[in-house]
N, C-alpha and C. Protein backbone atom coordinates (compact mmCIF):
# COMPACT_ATOMS: atom_id res chain seq x y z
N MET A 1 0.98 -1.12 0.61
CA MET A 1 -0.09 0.16 0.50
C MET A 1 0.89 1.18 0.17
N LYS A 2 0.48 2.02 -0.80
CA LYS A 2 1.23 3.49 -0.47
C LYS A 2 0.08 4.66 -0.03
N ILE A 3 0.60 5.11 1.04
CA ILE A 3 -0.06 6.63 1.38
C ILE A 3 0.80 7.99 0.86
N ASP A 4 -0.20 8.56 0.79
CA ASP A 4 0.31 10.32 0.22
C ASP A 4 0.02 10.86 1.33
N PRO A 5 0.83 11.13 2.51
CA PRO A 5 0.24 12.01 3.36
C PRO A 5 -0.29 13.30 3.16
N SER A 6 -0.48 13.95 1.73
CA SER A 6 -1.03 14.92 1.73
C SER A 6 -2.30 14.90 1.36
N GLN A 7 -3.13 13.57 1.47
CA GLN A 7 -3.96 13.10 1.40
C GLN A 7 -5.07 12.69 2.52
N LEU A 8 -4.06 12.94 3.71
CA LEU A 8 -4.63 12.88 5.09
C LEU A 8 -4.57 13.77 5.76
N GLY A 9 -5.44 13.51 6.51
CA GLY A 9 -6.05 14.68 7.65
C GLY A 9 -4.92 14.59 8.65
N PRO A 10 -4.50 15.87 9.73
CA PRO A 10 -3.35 16.16 10.29
C PRO A 10 -3.72 14.64 11.45
N LYS A 11 -4.92 14.30 11.82
CA LYS A 11 -5.15 13.46 12.88
C LYS A 11 -4.63 12.24 12.15
N GLU A 12 -5.43 12.15 11.12
CA GLU A 12 -4.71 10.29 10.37
C GLU A 12 -3.26 10.48 10.16
N ASN A 13 -2.71 11.36 9.85
CA ASN A 13 -1.26 11.69 9.94
C ASN A 13 -0.63 11.58 11.08
N TYR A 14 -1.21 12.27 12.39
CA TYR A 14 -0.45 11.62 13.43
C TYR A 14 -0.59 10.10 13.74
N LEU A 15 -1.24 9.37 13.78
CA LEU A 15 -1.86 8.10 14.19
C LEU A 15 -1.08 7.08 13.59
N LEU A 16 -0.54 7.66 12.26
CA LEU A 16 -0.02 6.60 11.20
C LEU A 16 1.61 6.66 11.43
N LEU A 17 2.58 8.11 11.67
CA LEU A 17 3.13 8.28 12.09
C LEU A 17 3.62 7.67 13.75
N ILE A 18 2.88 7.92 14.70
CA ILE A 18 3.03 7.43 15.68
C ILE A 18 3.07 6.05 16.07
N SER A 19 2.72 5.48 14.90
CA SER A 19 2.81 4.02 15.02
C SER A 19 3.46 3.72 13.83
N ALA A 20 4.52 4.15 13.55
CA ALA A 20 5.26 3.83 12.45
C ALA A 20 7.13 3.90 13.45
N ILE A 21 6.90 5.41 13.72
CA ILE A 21 8.24 5.72 14.06
C ILE A 21 8.04 5.29 15.74
N VAL A 22 8.52 3.80 15.74
CA VAL A 22 8.58 3.08 17.29
C VAL A 22 9.62 2.66 17.51
N PRO A 23 10.46 2.16 18.62
CA PRO A 23 9.94 2.78 19.92
C PRO A 23 10.25 4.20 19.93
N ARG A 24 9.89 4.92 20.54
CA ARG A 24 10.36 6.37 20.87
C ARG A 24 10.68 6.58 22.48
N PRO A 25 12.04 7.39 22.47
CA PRO A 25 12.57 7.82 23.98
C PRO A 25 10.85 8.34 24.64
N ILE A 26 11.25 8.66 25.68
CA ILE A 26 10.15 9.83 26.24
C ILE A 26 10.95 10.52 26.72
N ALA A 27 10.85 12.09 26.44
CA ALA A 27 11.23 13.43 27.68
C ALA A 27 10.09 13.70 28.34
N PHE A 28 10.75 13.63 29.67
CA PHE A 28 9.19 13.66 30.72
C PHE A 28 10.12 15.28 31.48
N VAL A 29 9.68 16.53 30.61
CA VAL A 29 9.99 17.71 30.81
C VAL A 29 9.17 18.68 31.83
N SER A 30 10.47 19.27 33.11
CA SER A 30 10.03 19.63 33.81
C SER A 30 10.64 20.99 33.65
N THR A 31 9.36 22.36 33.81
CA THR A 31 9.49 23.56 33.30
C THR A 31 9.09 24.46 34.52
N GLN A 32 9.65 25.66 34.20
CA GLN A 32 8.77 26.77 35.52
C GLN A 32 8.62 27.94 35.23
N GLY A 33 7.11 28.43 35.24
CA GLY A 33 6.70 29.70 35.03
C GLY A 33 7.42 30.38 35.26
N ARG A 34 7.22 31.88 34.71
CA ARG A 34 7.77 33.53 35.44
C ARG A 34 7.48 33.35 36.46
N GLY A 35 6.11 32.72 36.86
CA GLY A 35 5.63 33.23 38.52
C GLY A 35 5.77 32.27 39.15
N GLY A 36 6.88 31.09 38.47
CA GLY A 36 7.16 30.14 39.58
C GLY A 36 6.54 29.19 39.58
N ALA A 37 5.28 28.74 38.65
CA ALA A 37 4.59 27.65 39.05
C ALA A 37 5.32 26.52 38.44
N LEU A 38 5.33 24.99 38.52
CA LEU A 38 5.89 24.00 38.53
C LEU A 38 4.93 23.59 36.92
N ASN A 39 5.73 22.79 36.18
CA ASN A 39 4.87 22.26 34.98
C ASN A 39 6.09 20.54 34.73
N LEU A 40 4.95 19.25 34.75
CA LEU A 40 5.59 18.59 34.35
C LEU A 40 5.12 18.05 33.49
N ALA A 41 5.34 17.46 32.10
CA ALA A 41 4.56 17.15 30.89
C ALA A 41 5.70 15.90 30.10
N PRO A 42 5.04 14.75 29.53
CA PRO A 42 5.94 13.83 29.10
C PRO A 42 5.68 14.05 27.03
N PHE A 43 6.96 13.71 26.72
CA PHE A 43 6.93 14.23 25.00
C PHE A 43 7.81 13.08 24.31
N SER A 44 7.08 12.34 23.37
CA SER A 44 8.15 11.27 22.55
C SER A 44 8.84 11.70 21.34
N PHE A 45 8.22 12.61 20.88
CA PHE A 45 9.16 13.38 19.84
C PHE A 45 9.89 13.92 20.12
N PHE A 46 11.15 13.23 20.39
CA PHE A 46 12.59 13.35 21.18
C PHE A 46 13.89 12.80 20.83
N MET A 47 14.95 13.64 20.92
CA MET A 47 16.13 12.61 20.73
C MET A 47 17.23 13.46 20.94
N GLY A 48 18.39 13.21 20.58
CA GLY A 48 19.34 13.86 20.69
C GLY A 48 19.84 14.55 19.54
N VAL A 49 20.74 14.96 19.26
CA VAL A 49 20.93 15.86 18.03
C VAL A 49 22.81 16.19 17.99
N SER A 50 23.35 16.37 18.95
CA SER A 50 24.35 16.56 19.08
C SER A 50 25.44 16.37 20.19
N THR A 51 26.74 16.14 20.29
CA THR A 51 27.46 15.93 21.12
C THR A 51 28.42 16.81 21.44
N ASP A 52 28.75 17.53 20.66
CA ASP A 52 29.51 19.16 21.15
C ASP A 52 28.97 20.17 20.55
N PRO A 53 28.21 20.98 21.47
CA PRO A 53 28.16 20.62 22.99
C PRO A 53 26.73 19.73 22.72
N PRO A 54 26.47 18.89 23.81
CA PRO A 54 25.76 17.79 24.14
C PRO A 54 23.95 18.76 23.86
N THR A 55 23.55 18.46 23.07
CA THR A 55 22.42 18.91 22.50
C THR A 55 21.37 17.99 22.15
N VAL A 56 19.70 18.26 22.91
CA VAL A 56 18.74 17.12 22.72
C VAL A 56 17.53 18.54 21.93
N ALA A 57 16.52 17.33 21.45
CA ALA A 57 16.07 18.09 20.53
C ALA A 57 14.21 17.75 21.30
N ILE A 58 13.07 18.44 21.26
CA ILE A 58 11.95 18.17 21.65
C ILE A 58 10.80 18.67 21.08
N SER A 59 9.99 17.90 20.79
CA SER A 59 8.94 18.57 19.73
C SER A 59 7.63 18.99 20.53
N VAL A 60 6.77 19.54 20.14
CA VAL A 60 5.88 20.36 21.31
C VAL A 60 4.59 20.65 20.49
N GLY A 61 3.91 19.81 20.58
CA GLY A 61 2.38 20.54 19.83
C GLY A 61 1.76 21.76 20.56
N ARG A 62 0.83 21.97 19.95
CA ARG A 62 -0.73 22.97 20.57
C ARG A 62 -1.91 22.47 21.25
N ARG A 63 -2.23 23.31 21.95
CA ARG A 63 -3.45 23.12 22.37
C ARG A 63 -4.48 23.88 22.05
N LYS A 64 -5.46 23.35 21.07
CA LYS A 64 -6.52 24.22 20.96
C LYS A 64 -6.12 25.45 20.57
N GLY A 65 -4.92 25.24 19.49
CA GLY A 65 -4.25 26.58 18.89
C GLY A 65 -3.42 27.43 19.61
N GLU A 66 -3.29 26.99 21.01
CA GLU A 66 -2.24 27.44 22.02
C GLU A 66 -0.93 26.96 22.50
N LYS A 67 -0.07 27.46 22.88
CA LYS A 67 0.88 26.97 23.59
C LYS A 67 0.80 26.16 24.34
N LYS A 68 1.58 24.96 24.50
CA LYS A 68 1.08 24.27 26.02
C LYS A 68 2.17 24.61 27.15
N ASP A 69 2.00 24.33 28.25
CA ASP A 69 2.54 25.13 29.24
C ASP A 69 3.92 24.62 29.08
N THR A 70 4.69 23.98 28.63
CA THR A 70 5.77 23.20 28.19
C THR A 70 7.00 24.46 27.96
N SER A 71 6.36 24.28 26.18
CA SER A 71 6.61 25.44 25.18
C SER A 71 6.92 26.76 25.43
N GLN A 72 5.51 27.10 26.31
CA GLN A 72 5.28 28.72 26.46
C GLN A 72 6.08 28.95 27.88
N ASN A 73 6.96 28.06 28.79
CA ASN A 73 7.50 28.54 29.69
C ASN A 73 8.87 28.37 29.51
N ILE A 74 9.30 27.57 28.62
CA ILE A 74 10.45 27.63 28.12
C ILE A 74 11.13 28.75 27.19
N ALA A 75 9.88 29.13 26.37
CA ALA A 75 10.01 30.70 25.71
C ALA A 75 9.92 31.55 26.20
N ASP A 76 9.74 31.65 27.96
CA ASP A 76 10.08 32.69 29.02
C ASP A 76 10.49 32.63 29.72
N THR A 77 11.45 31.61 30.01
CA THR A 77 12.66 31.16 30.54
C THR A 77 13.83 30.90 30.24
N GLY A 78 13.50 30.26 28.76
CA GLY A 78 14.75 29.85 28.27
C GLY A 78 15.09 28.42 28.65
N GLU A 79 14.45 27.85 29.96
CA GLU A 79 15.31 26.47 30.39
C GLU A 79 14.66 25.81 30.36
N PHE A 80 14.76 24.33 30.58
CA PHE A 80 14.05 22.91 30.84
C PHE A 80 14.95 21.77 31.25
N VAL A 81 14.17 20.41 31.82
CA VAL A 81 15.05 19.44 32.54
C VAL A 81 14.28 18.40 31.45
N VAL A 82 15.25 17.77 30.86
CA VAL A 82 14.77 16.41 30.37
C VAL A 82 14.79 15.31 31.50
N ASN A 83 14.01 14.45 32.11
CA ASN A 83 14.06 13.42 32.20
C ASN A 83 13.81 11.87 32.08
N VAL A 84 14.59 10.73 32.23
CA VAL A 84 14.16 9.72 31.44
C VAL A 84 13.47 9.41 32.29
N VAL A 85 12.17 8.37 31.35
CA VAL A 85 10.87 8.05 32.06
C VAL A 85 11.90 6.33 32.53
N ASP A 86 11.94 6.00 33.36
CA ASP A 86 11.71 4.03 33.32
C ASP A 86 10.35 3.43 34.06
N GLU A 87 10.62 2.07 34.17
CA GLU A 87 9.31 1.37 34.62
C GLU A 87 8.54 2.23 35.73
N SER A 88 9.63 2.67 36.68
CA SER A 88 9.27 3.02 38.27
C SER A 88 8.37 4.29 37.82
N VAL A 89 8.71 4.65 36.81
CA VAL A 89 7.55 6.21 37.15
C VAL A 89 6.67 6.28 36.02
N ALA A 90 6.66 5.34 35.21
CA ALA A 90 6.00 4.90 33.59
C ALA A 90 4.61 5.59 34.20
N LYS A 91 4.01 4.96 35.02
CA LYS A 91 2.47 5.32 35.28
C LYS A 91 1.87 6.92 35.62
N ARG A 92 3.32 7.21 36.48
CA ARG A 92 3.10 8.59 36.71
C ARG A 92 2.89 9.47 36.27
N MET A 93 3.94 9.13 34.87
CA MET A 93 4.08 9.75 33.76
C MET A 93 3.12 10.00 33.15
N VAL A 94 2.61 8.64 32.62
CA VAL A 94 0.91 8.86 31.91
C VAL A 94 0.18 10.09 32.68
N GLN A 95 -0.03 9.82 34.37
CA GLN A 95 -0.73 10.54 34.69
C GLN A 95 -0.45 12.38 34.31
N SER A 96 0.39 12.41 34.29
CA SER A 96 0.86 14.15 34.15
C SER A 96 0.39 14.30 32.87
N SER A 97 0.32 13.70 31.82
CA SER A 97 -0.29 13.73 30.39
C SER A 97 -1.42 14.59 30.65
N GLY A 98 -2.48 14.15 31.31
CA GLY A 98 -3.84 15.34 31.30
C GLY A 98 -3.94 16.42 30.47
N ASP A 99 -4.98 17.30 30.09
CA ASP A 99 -5.00 18.42 29.67
C ASP A 99 -5.40 19.77 30.80
N PHE A 100 -4.33 19.40 31.83
CA PHE A 100 -4.37 20.12 33.05
C PHE A 100 -4.26 21.14 32.68
N PRO A 101 -5.19 22.81 33.51
CA PRO A 101 -4.71 24.20 33.26
C PRO A 101 -3.24 24.55 33.64
N PRO A 102 -2.86 25.44 33.33
CA PRO A 102 -1.43 26.23 33.23
C PRO A 102 -1.41 26.09 35.19
N ASP A 103 -2.22 26.69 35.94
CA ASP A 103 -1.53 26.59 37.22
C ASP A 103 -1.34 25.27 37.78
N VAL A 104 -1.74 24.07 37.24
CA VAL A 104 -1.93 22.79 38.29
C VAL A 104 -0.35 22.55 37.94
N ASP A 105 -0.09 22.01 39.38
CA ASP A 105 1.52 21.63 39.72
C ASP A 105 1.30 19.74 39.12
N GLU A 106 1.89 19.58 38.12
CA GLU A 106 1.68 17.97 37.77
C GLU A 106 2.49 17.00 38.70
N PHE A 107 3.61 17.85 39.47
CA PHE A 107 4.18 17.03 40.54
C PHE A 107 3.20 16.83 41.18
N ALA A 108 2.60 17.49 41.75
CA ALA A 108 1.64 17.47 43.01
C ALA A 108 0.70 16.16 42.43
N ILE A 109 0.17 16.59 41.29
CA ILE A 109 -1.10 15.75 41.14
C ILE A 109 -0.32 14.56 40.99
N THR A 110 0.70 14.14 40.30
CA THR A 110 1.44 12.56 40.28
C THR A 110 2.14 12.37 41.99
N GLY A 111 2.71 13.42 42.51
CA GLY A 111 3.39 12.85 43.42
C GLY A 111 4.79 13.02 43.55
N LEU A 112 5.13 12.74 42.55
CA LEU A 112 6.87 12.92 42.07
C LEU A 112 7.44 14.24 42.75
N THR A 113 8.42 14.18 43.02
CA THR A 113 9.22 14.86 43.95
C THR A 113 9.69 15.55 42.94
N PRO A 114 9.85 17.17 43.08
CA PRO A 114 10.82 18.16 42.68
C PRO A 114 12.21 18.10 43.09
N ALA A 115 13.32 18.03 42.52
CA ALA A 115 14.50 18.14 43.05
C ALA A 115 15.45 18.96 42.61
N PRO A 116 15.98 19.99 43.77
CA PRO A 116 17.21 21.12 42.93
C PRO A 116 17.64 21.11 41.81
N SER A 117 17.78 21.56 41.03
CA SER A 117 18.85 21.42 39.67
C SER A 117 20.00 22.30 39.82
N GLU A 118 20.95 22.38 39.45
CA GLU A 118 22.22 23.15 39.53
C GLU A 118 22.55 24.29 38.48
N ARG A 119 21.82 24.06 37.21
CA ARG A 119 22.44 25.47 36.31
C ARG A 119 21.11 25.77 35.93
N VAL A 120 19.85 25.15 36.37
CA VAL A 120 18.37 25.53 35.57
C VAL A 120 17.60 25.62 36.78
N ARG A 121 16.59 27.12 36.21
CA ARG A 121 15.74 27.09 37.84
C ARG A 121 14.80 25.59 37.85
N PRO A 122 13.97 25.30 36.39
CA PRO A 122 13.11 24.38 37.05
C PRO A 122 14.07 22.91 37.34
N PRO A 123 13.21 22.67 38.48
CA PRO A 123 13.89 21.25 39.15
C PRO A 123 13.79 19.88 38.41
N ARG A 124 14.29 19.10 38.74
CA ARG A 124 14.47 17.57 38.05
C ARG A 124 13.46 16.70 38.51
N VAL A 125 13.01 15.56 38.30
CA VAL A 125 12.35 14.49 39.09
C VAL A 125 13.43 13.81 39.90
N ALA A 126 13.34 13.54 41.30
CA ALA A 126 14.18 13.07 41.99
C ALA A 126 13.78 11.40 41.72
N GLU A 127 12.98 10.79 41.27
CA GLU A 127 12.84 9.41 41.12
C GLU A 127 13.47 9.10 39.55
N CYS A 128 13.70 9.94 38.99
CA CYS A 128 13.92 9.52 37.19
C CYS A 128 15.81 9.28 37.74
N LYS A 129 16.05 8.27 37.44
CA LYS A 129 17.59 7.91 37.16
C LYS A 129 18.30 8.74 36.42
N VAL A 130 18.15 9.22 35.49
CA VAL A 130 18.76 10.22 34.54
C VAL A 130 17.83 11.54 34.19
N SER A 131 18.70 12.76 34.47
CA SER A 131 17.56 13.70 34.39
C SER A 131 19.07 14.82 33.51
N LEU A 132 18.49 15.79 32.36
CA LEU A 132 19.34 16.23 31.97
C LEU A 132 19.03 18.14 32.09
N GLU A 133 19.83 18.79 31.94
CA GLU A 133 19.52 20.23 32.88
C GLU A 133 19.96 20.43 31.22
N CYS A 134 18.81 21.87 30.57
CA CYS A 134 18.94 21.87 29.19
C CYS A 134 18.51 23.72 29.24
N ARG A 135 19.19 24.09 28.29
CA ARG A 135 18.75 25.59 28.28
C ARG A 135 18.91 25.78 26.89
N GLU A 136 17.80 26.25 26.49
CA GLU A 136 17.11 26.55 25.02
C GLU A 136 17.89 27.50 24.23
N VAL A 137 18.47 26.21 23.15
CA VAL A 137 19.69 27.00 21.79
C VAL A 137 18.62 27.77 20.67
N LEU A 138 17.21 27.24 20.35
CA LEU A 138 16.90 27.42 18.95
C LEU A 138 15.28 27.10 19.29
N THR A 139 14.52 27.57 18.94
CA THR A 139 13.26 26.87 18.64
C THR A 139 12.69 27.37 17.31
N VAL A 140 12.14 26.30 16.69
CA VAL A 140 11.67 26.41 15.53
C VAL A 140 10.12 26.36 15.28
N LEU A 141 9.36 27.07 14.92
CA LEU A 141 7.94 26.62 14.83
C LEU A 141 7.89 25.72 13.14
N VAL A 142 7.34 24.47 13.61
CA VAL A 142 7.29 23.69 12.06
C VAL A 142 5.71 23.58 11.99
N GLY A 143 5.51 23.71 10.34
CA GLY A 143 4.10 23.20 9.94
C GLY A 143 3.04 24.10 10.09
N ARG A 144 2.17 24.02 10.08
CA ARG A 144 0.84 24.94 10.07
C ARG A 144 0.22 24.81 11.00
N LYS A 145 0.20 24.00 11.89
CA LYS A 145 -0.04 24.16 13.26
C LYS A 145 0.65 24.89 14.27
N LYS A 146 2.24 25.12 13.60
CA LYS A 146 3.15 25.95 14.18
C LYS A 146 3.65 24.81 15.72
N GLN A 147 3.99 23.31 15.21
CA GLN A 147 4.65 23.04 16.39
C GLN A 147 6.22 23.35 16.90
N SER A 148 6.35 23.40 18.09
CA SER A 148 7.73 24.35 18.06
C SER A 148 8.50 23.20 18.63
N LEU A 149 9.60 23.23 18.14
CA LEU A 149 10.96 21.90 17.94
C LEU A 149 11.89 22.73 18.67
N ILE A 150 12.26 22.53 20.20
CA ILE A 150 12.83 23.18 20.46
C ILE A 150 14.38 22.33 20.93
N LEU A 151 15.29 23.37 20.62
CA LEU A 151 16.91 22.65 21.14
C LEU A 151 17.53 23.23 22.23
N GLY A 152 17.90 21.94 23.21
CA GLY A 152 18.31 22.40 23.85
C GLY A 152 20.20 21.86 24.61
N GLN A 153 20.90 22.93 25.00
CA GLN A 153 21.93 22.52 25.38
C GLN A 153 21.90 22.10 26.57
N ILE A 154 22.87 20.47 26.72
CA ILE A 154 22.64 20.03 27.94
C ILE A 154 23.80 20.86 29.16
N LEU A 155 23.46 21.31 29.76
CA LEU A 155 24.04 22.12 31.03
C LEU A 155 24.73 20.84 32.31
N MET A 156 24.13 20.27 32.22
CA MET A 156 24.38 19.28 33.57
C MET A 156 23.37 17.43 33.67
N ILE A 157 23.88 16.79 33.36
CA ILE A 157 23.63 15.78 33.49
C ILE A 157 24.04 14.69 35.29
N HIS A 158 22.48 14.57 35.11
CA HIS A 158 21.86 13.80 36.80
C HIS A 158 22.06 12.30 36.65
N VAL A 159 23.30 11.24 37.50
CA VAL A 159 23.19 10.10 36.78
C VAL A 159 23.14 9.00 38.22
N ASP A 160 21.90 8.16 38.45
CA ASP A 160 21.83 7.01 39.79
C ASP A 160 22.90 6.68 39.35
N ASP A 161 24.14 6.79 40.77
CA ASP A 161 25.19 5.91 40.53
C ASP A 161 25.00 4.19 40.30
N ALA A 162 23.88 3.60 40.74
CA ALA A 162 23.32 2.33 40.62
C ALA A 162 23.43 2.09 39.04
N ILE A 163 23.17 2.76 38.12
CA ILE A 163 23.06 2.35 36.99
C ILE A 163 24.19 2.80 36.04
N LEU A 164 25.35 2.99 36.71
CA LEU A 164 26.45 3.46 36.27
C LEU A 164 27.49 2.13 35.62
N ASP A 165 28.00 2.34 34.44
CA ASP A 165 29.22 0.76 34.85
C ASP A 165 30.02 1.57 33.39
N GLY A 166 31.13 2.03 34.31
CA GLY A 166 32.31 2.31 33.45
C GLY A 166 32.46 3.52 32.63
N GLY A 167 31.34 4.62 33.41
CA GLY A 167 30.85 5.93 32.47
C GLY A 167 30.02 5.90 31.47
N VAL A 168 28.98 4.27 31.26
CA VAL A 168 28.47 3.89 30.65
C VAL A 168 26.99 3.94 31.49
N ILE A 169 26.02 4.45 30.72
CA ILE A 169 24.75 3.84 31.78
C ILE A 169 23.92 2.41 31.38
N ASP A 170 23.88 1.64 32.09
CA ASP A 170 23.28 0.23 31.79
C ASP A 170 22.38 -0.08 31.66
N THR A 171 21.44 -0.23 30.27
CA THR A 171 20.37 -0.08 29.83
C THR A 171 19.38 -1.69 30.72
N SER A 172 20.15 -2.35 30.90
CA SER A 172 18.97 -2.87 32.05
C SER A 172 18.81 -3.11 33.41
N LYS A 173 19.84 -2.12 33.82
CA LYS A 173 19.53 -1.26 34.90
C LYS A 173 18.40 -0.32 34.70
N LEU A 174 18.44 0.82 33.66
CA LEU A 174 17.87 2.02 33.56
C LEU A 174 16.44 1.23 33.44
N ARG A 175 16.32 0.43 32.91
CA ARG A 175 14.77 -0.12 32.26
C ARG A 175 13.79 1.21 32.22
N PRO A 176 14.72 1.55 30.66
CA PRO A 176 13.62 3.15 30.26
C PRO A 176 12.45 2.19 29.55
N ILE A 177 11.12 2.99 29.77
CA ILE A 177 9.98 3.02 28.76
C ILE A 177 10.17 3.52 27.55
N GLY A 178 9.30 2.97 26.06
CA GLY A 178 9.25 3.68 25.12
C GLY A 178 7.86 4.13 24.88
N ARG A 179 7.91 4.53 23.82
CA ARG A 179 6.62 4.98 23.34
C ARG A 179 6.36 4.60 22.16
N LEU A 180 4.79 3.81 21.89
CA LEU A 180 4.30 3.11 20.64
C LEU A 180 3.26 3.96 20.34
N GLY A 181 2.49 2.87 19.49
CA GLY A 181 1.49 3.98 19.21
C GLY A 181 -0.04 3.82 19.87
N GLY A 182 -0.99 4.38 19.72
CA GLY A 182 -1.73 4.51 20.37
C GLY A 182 -1.68 4.90 22.28
N SER A 183 -2.40 4.05 22.82
CA SER A 183 -2.06 4.19 24.29
C SER A 183 -0.87 3.03 24.58
N ASN A 184 -0.11 2.45 23.49
CA ASN A 184 0.76 1.75 23.98
C ASN A 184 2.01 2.20 24.14
N TYR A 185 2.94 1.30 25.40
CA TYR A 185 4.06 1.63 25.45
C TYR A 185 4.95 0.50 25.48
N SER A 186 6.47 0.05 25.25
CA SER A 186 7.22 -0.93 25.28
C SER A 186 8.63 -0.79 26.77
N ARG A 187 8.40 -2.09 27.20
CA ARG A 187 9.94 -2.36 28.13
C ARG A 187 11.05 -2.30 27.17
N THR A 188 12.10 -1.98 27.95
CA THR A 188 13.40 -2.75 27.09
C THR A 188 14.12 -3.56 28.14
N ARG A 189 13.80 -5.27 27.85
CA ARG A 189 14.20 -6.10 28.09
C ARG A 189 15.23 -6.92 27.93
N ASP A 190 14.50 -7.14 26.85
CA ASP A 190 15.28 -7.97 25.48
C ASP A 190 16.23 -7.27 24.64
N ILE A 191 17.38 -7.04 25.19
CA ILE A 191 18.08 -6.38 24.32
C ILE A 191 19.42 -7.24 23.72
N ILE A 192 19.58 -6.83 22.27
CA ILE A 192 20.40 -7.83 21.36
C ILE A 192 21.61 -6.42 21.53
N GLU A 193 22.78 -7.51 21.16
CA GLU A 193 24.06 -6.80 21.10
C GLU A 193 24.53 -7.30 19.14
N MET A 194 24.52 -6.08 18.61
CA MET A 194 25.35 -6.12 17.48
C MET A 194 26.31 -5.11 17.34
N LEU A 195 27.49 -6.04 16.88
CA LEU A 195 28.65 -4.77 16.65
C LEU A 195 29.16 -4.85 15.62
N ARG A 196 28.93 -3.10 15.17
CA ARG A 196 29.19 -2.53 13.96
C ARG A 196 30.47 -3.57 13.60
N PRO A 197 30.64 -3.67 12.24
CA PRO A 197 31.85 -4.28 11.41
C PRO A 197 33.20 -2.95 11.48
N GLN A 198 34.13 -3.54 11.65
CA GLN A 198 35.38 -3.23 11.50
C GLN A 198 36.23 -2.65 10.76
N ILE A 199 35.93 -1.95 10.15
CA ILE A 199 37.08 -1.61 8.32
C ILE A 199 38.42 -1.02 8.43
N ASP A 200 38.97 -2.05 7.94
CA ASP A 200 40.49 -1.71 8.12
C ASP A 200 41.06 -0.25 6.95
N PRO A 201 41.04 0.92 7.62
CA PRO A 201 41.35 2.46 7.18
C PRO A 201 42.41 1.80 5.67
N ASN A 202 43.34 1.27 5.92
CA ASN A 202 44.24 0.78 5.56
C ASN A 202 44.55 -0.62 4.48
N PRO A 203 43.63 -1.19 3.65
CA PRO A 203 43.43 -2.18 3.55
C PRO A 203 45.21 -2.99 2.49
N PRO A 204 45.00 -3.74 2.63
CA PRO A 204 46.54 -4.52 2.00
C PRO A 204 45.89 -4.26 -0.04
N PRO A 205 46.80 -3.83 -0.77
CA PRO A 205 46.48 -3.95 -2.24
C PRO A 205 46.18 -4.79 -2.82
N LYS A 206 45.45 -5.25 -3.59
CA LYS A 206 44.96 -6.07 -4.36
C LYS A 206 46.17 -6.38 -5.04
N ASP A 207 46.12 -7.95 -5.49
CA ASP A 207 47.11 -8.13 -6.34
C ASP A 207 47.04 -8.28 -7.49
N PRO A 208 47.66 -7.95 -8.88
CA PRO A 208 47.70 -7.28 -10.11
C PRO A 208 46.92 -7.88 -10.60
C-alpha cells in the first residue's frame, strides 16, 4: 500500500506516524513559569542531536491553537529539564499527561518529587534515574499548526550511581520505557547486541 500524507488529515497523519516511528524515547520535561509555577509533561518526539556541545531536541504541539505550558515556559525562561522515563515512574508519567490548566502542578498531581537542579531553575524529577538540565538554544515553529521544535544544550547530567558502568549507563538497570502507537508503551528488557563491522582504514593492495 502507498499512502500519500497530503491526502490525509492531521489526525490521520499523526496516528500513522506515531505507530510507524517506534519505539520512541520519552522526554519527561519539567519547566517553571515566570511566576514560579511548576509543570511536568511527557513528549515522545524527542532525540539527541549533537554531542559537542551535547544537545537534545523535543517537539511540542499546541492545544486548541495555543502553546502548551511546556513550550510557553521554555519561551519565557529559556530553561527546562529532560527526565528519562523508566518503569518505576511510567504510570505517573502517563498521569501527568492530562490536559491540566496552567496553574496545576503536575508534581503534586503525580506525587513525584521536585529536586533542585544546579544550572537551571526548573527542578528535576528525583525519582528519575537520569535527568538532563538544558538551556534553550533554538526554537523553530514547524508546520501549519506551528509545532515548537526546541533544541536545548545540556548543561548538567544527573545519573543514579547504581546504573553507571564504566561511565556508561547500563540499560538493563535503567529499564527505560518506549512510546508506541495509541496508548501502548514498550519495556526495554530483551536487549540484542550487534557489533558494527570493523573496516581496515589501510587495506592491503590487491594483487595485480
